């Protein structure tokens, strides 16, 4: 098997837990923390990360499909941009 196949397989396997983590984290946070962090509200982020998790789980093409990649990008935007701001507002480590 070529090296790119192994790399894409690892990305595919890692993508599902990333999407589920983003959704669970968004669900467990206080609603006012999102607006205090000047981000979209909690319901919007739960919808975005929930849809991302579903796309990552159900799209069987994995990293070869643009829909799967969009789901991964949505989850990563939450983890990299929104999560740190919400944590900062709440003063929590998780």
C-alpha atoms as a PDB file:
ATOM      1  CA  UNK A   1       0.000   0.000   0.000  1.00  0.00           C
ATOM      2  CA  UNK A   2       1.243   3.517  -0.781  1.00  0.00           C
ATOM      3  CA  UNK A   3       2.178   5.895   2.022  1.00  0.00           C
ATOM      4  CA  UNK A   4      -0.629   8.365   1.207  1.00  0.00           C
ATOM      5  CA  UNK A   5      -3.173   5.576   1.789  1.00  0.00           C
ATOM      6  CA  UNK A   6      -1.846   4.999   5.309  1.00  0.00           C
ATOM      7  CA  UNK A   7      -1.843   8.725   6.089  1.00  0.00           C
ATOM      8  CA  UNK A   8      -5.421   9.162   4.899  1.00  0.00           C
ATOM      9  CA  UNK A   9      -6.490   6.092   6.866  1.00  0.00           C
ATOM     10  CA  UNK A  10      -5.057   7.546  10.068  1.00  0.00           C
ATOM     11  CA  UNK A  11      -6.810  10.861   9.381  1.00  0.00           C
ATOM     12  CA  UNK A  12     -10.074   9.007   8.774  1.00  0.00           C
ATOM     13  CA  UNK A  13      -9.806   7.013  12.005  1.00  0.00           C
ATOM     14  CA  UNK A  14      -8.857  10.108  14.024  1.00  0.00           C
ATOM     15  CA  UNK A  15     -11.589  12.259  12.475  1.00  0.00           C
ATOM     16  CA  UNK A  16     -14.553  10.556  14.129  1.00  0.00           C
ATOM     17  CA  UNK A  17     -13.375  11.002  17.746  1.00  0.00           C
ATOM     18  CA  UNK A  18     -12.486  14.628  16.983  1.00  0.00           C
ATOM     19  CA  UNK A  19     -16.035  15.325  15.775  1.00  0.00           C
ATOM     20  CA  UNK A  20     -17.654  13.539  18.695  1.00  0.00           C
ATOM     21  CA  UNK A  21     -15.377  15.334  21.178  1.00  0.00           C
ATOM     22  CA  UNK A  22     -16.298  18.727  19.700  1.00  0.00           C
ATOM     23  CA  UNK A  23     -20.017  17.971  20.024  1.00  0.00           C
ATOM     24  CA  UNK A  24     -19.772  16.625  23.570  1.00  0.00           C
ATOM     25  CA  UNK A  25     -17.658  19.572  24.668  1.00  0.00           C
ATOM     26  CA  UNK A  26     -20.127  22.052  23.190  1.00  0.00           C
ATOM     27  CA  UNK A  27     -23.022  20.258  24.878  1.00  0.00           C
ATOM     28  CA  UNK A  28     -21.400  20.367  28.329  1.00  0.00           C
ATOM     29  CA  UNK A  29     -20.632  24.095  28.376  1.00  0.00           C
ATOM     30  CA  UNK A  30     -22.771  26.884  29.796  1.00  0.00           C
ATOM     31  CA  UNK A  31     -24.847  28.717  27.214  1.00  0.00           C
ATOM     32  CA  UNK A  32     -23.812  32.168  28.426  1.00  0.00           C
ATOM     33  CA  UNK A  33     -20.112  31.342  27.980  1.00  0.00           C
ATOM     34  CA  UNK A  34     -20.501  31.295  24.191  1.00  0.00           C
ATOM     35  CA  UNK A  35     -22.015  34.756  24.002  1.00  0.00           C
ATOM     36  CA  UNK A  36     -19.562  36.090  26.606  1.00  0.00           C
ATOM     37  CA  UNK A  37     -16.727  34.778  24.417  1.00  0.00           C
ATOM     38  CA  UNK A  38     -18.278  36.690  21.480  1.00  0.00           C
ATOM     39  CA  UNK A  39     -18.989  33.514  19.495  1.00  0.00           C
ATOM     40  CA  UNK A  40     -22.166  32.012  18.065  1.00  0.00           C
ATOM     41  CA  UNK A  41     -24.619  30.783  20.685  1.00  0.00           C
ATOM     42  CA  UNK A  42     -24.507  27.308  22.204  1.00  0.00           C
ATOM     43  CA  UNK A  43     -27.379  25.966  20.111  1.00  0.00           C
ATOM     44  CA  UNK A  44     -25.654  27.021  16.893  1.00  0.00           C
ATOM     45  CA  UNK A  45     -22.377  25.363  17.895  1.00  0.00           C
ATOM     46  CA  UNK A  46     -24.174  22.215  18.991  1.00  0.00           C
ATOM     47  CA  UNK A  47     -25.825  22.106  15.581  1.00  0.00           C
ATOM     48  CA  UNK A  48     -22.566  22.685  13.738  1.00  0.00           C
ATOM     49  CA  UNK A  49     -20.547  20.167  15.742  1.00  0.00           C
ATOM     50  CA  UNK A  50     -23.415  17.652  15.793  1.00  0.00           C
ATOM     51  CA  UNK A  51     -23.749  17.807  12.022  1.00  0.00           C
ATOM     52  CA  UNK A  52     -19.974  17.527  11.715  1.00  0.00           C
ATOM     53  CA  UNK A  53     -19.926  14.417  13.921  1.00  0.00           C
ATOM     54  CA  UNK A  54     -22.724  12.803  11.909  1.00  0.00           C
ATOM     55  CA  UNK A  55     -20.935  13.572   8.639  1.00  0.00           C
ATOM     56  CA  UNK A  56     -17.676  12.153   9.955  1.00  0.00           C
ATOM     57  CA  UNK A  57     -19.386   8.967  11.101  1.00  0.00           C
ATOM     58  CA  UNK A  58     -21.659   8.339   8.115  1.00  0.00           C
ATOM     59  CA  UNK A  59     -19.654   9.500   5.097  1.00  0.00           C
ATOM     60  CA  UNK A  60     -17.962   6.302   3.988  1.00  0.00           C
ATOM     61  CA  UNK A  61     -15.635   8.040   1.516  1.00  0.00           C
ATOM     62  CA  UNK A  62     -13.690   9.475   4.431  1.00  0.00           C
ATOM     63  CA  UNK A  63     -10.984  11.994   3.578  1.00  0.00           C
ATOM     64  CA  UNK A  64     -11.647  11.416  -0.112  1.00  0.00           C
ATOM     65  CA  UNK A  65     -15.018  13.188   0.094  1.00  0.00           C
ATOM     66  CA  UNK A  66     -15.537  16.941   0.302  1.00  0.00           C
ATOM     67  CA  UNK A  67     -18.480  16.519   2.702  1.00  0.00           C
ATOM     68  CA  UNK A  68     -16.296  14.569   5.145  1.00  0.00           C
ATOM     69  CA  UNK A  69     -13.588  17.202   4.931  1.00  0.00           C
ATOM     70  CA  UNK A  70     -16.162  19.939   5.626  1.00  0.00           C
ATOM     71  CA  UNK A  71     -17.265  18.057   8.748  1.00  0.00           C
ATOM     72  CA  UNK A  72     -13.680  17.738   9.953  1.00  0.00           C
ATOM     73  CA  UNK A  73     -13.005  21.431   9.326  1.00  0.00           C
ATOM     74  CA  UNK A  74     -16.143  22.418  11.262  1.00  0.00           C
ATOM     75  CA  UNK A  75     -15.113  20.284  14.241  1.00  0.00           C
ATOM     76  CA  UNK A  76     -11.557  21.608  14.148  1.00  0.00           C
ATOM     77  CA  UNK A  77     -12.748  25.227  13.999  1.00  0.00           C
ATOM     78  CA  UNK A  78     -14.694  24.613  17.181  1.00  0.00           C
ATOM     79  CA  UNK A  79     -11.750  22.929  18.907  1.00  0.00           C
ATOM     80  CA  UNK A  80      -9.116  25.456  17.829  1.00  0.00           C
ATOM     81  CA  UNK A  81     -11.099  28.714  17.958  1.00  0.00           C
ATOM     82  CA  UNK A  82     -14.229  28.432  20.090  1.00  0.00           C
ATOM     83  CA  UNK A  83     -13.192  25.962  22.792  1.00  0.00           C
ATOM     84  CA  UNK A  84     -10.248  28.020  24.139  1.00  0.00           C
ATOM     85  CA  UNK A  85     -12.388  31.164  24.369  1.00  0.00           C
ATOM     86  CA  UNK A  86     -15.216  29.350  26.151  1.00  0.00           C
ATOM     87  CA  UNK A  87     -12.727  27.767  28.568  1.00  0.00           C
ATOM     88  CA  UNK A  88     -11.209  31.171  29.254  1.00  0.00           C
ATOM     89  CA  UNK A  89     -14.596  32.713  30.017  1.00  0.00           C
ATOM     90  CA  UNK A  90     -15.557  29.873  32.359  1.00  0.00           C
ATOM     91  CA  UNK A  91     -12.139  29.599  33.972  1.00  0.00           C
ATOM     92  CA  UNK A  92     -12.070  25.816  33.500  1.00  0.00           C
ATOM     93  CA  UNK A  93      -9.337  23.513  32.290  1.00  0.00           C
ATOM     94  CA  UNK A  94     -11.648  21.143  30.340  1.00  0.00           C
END
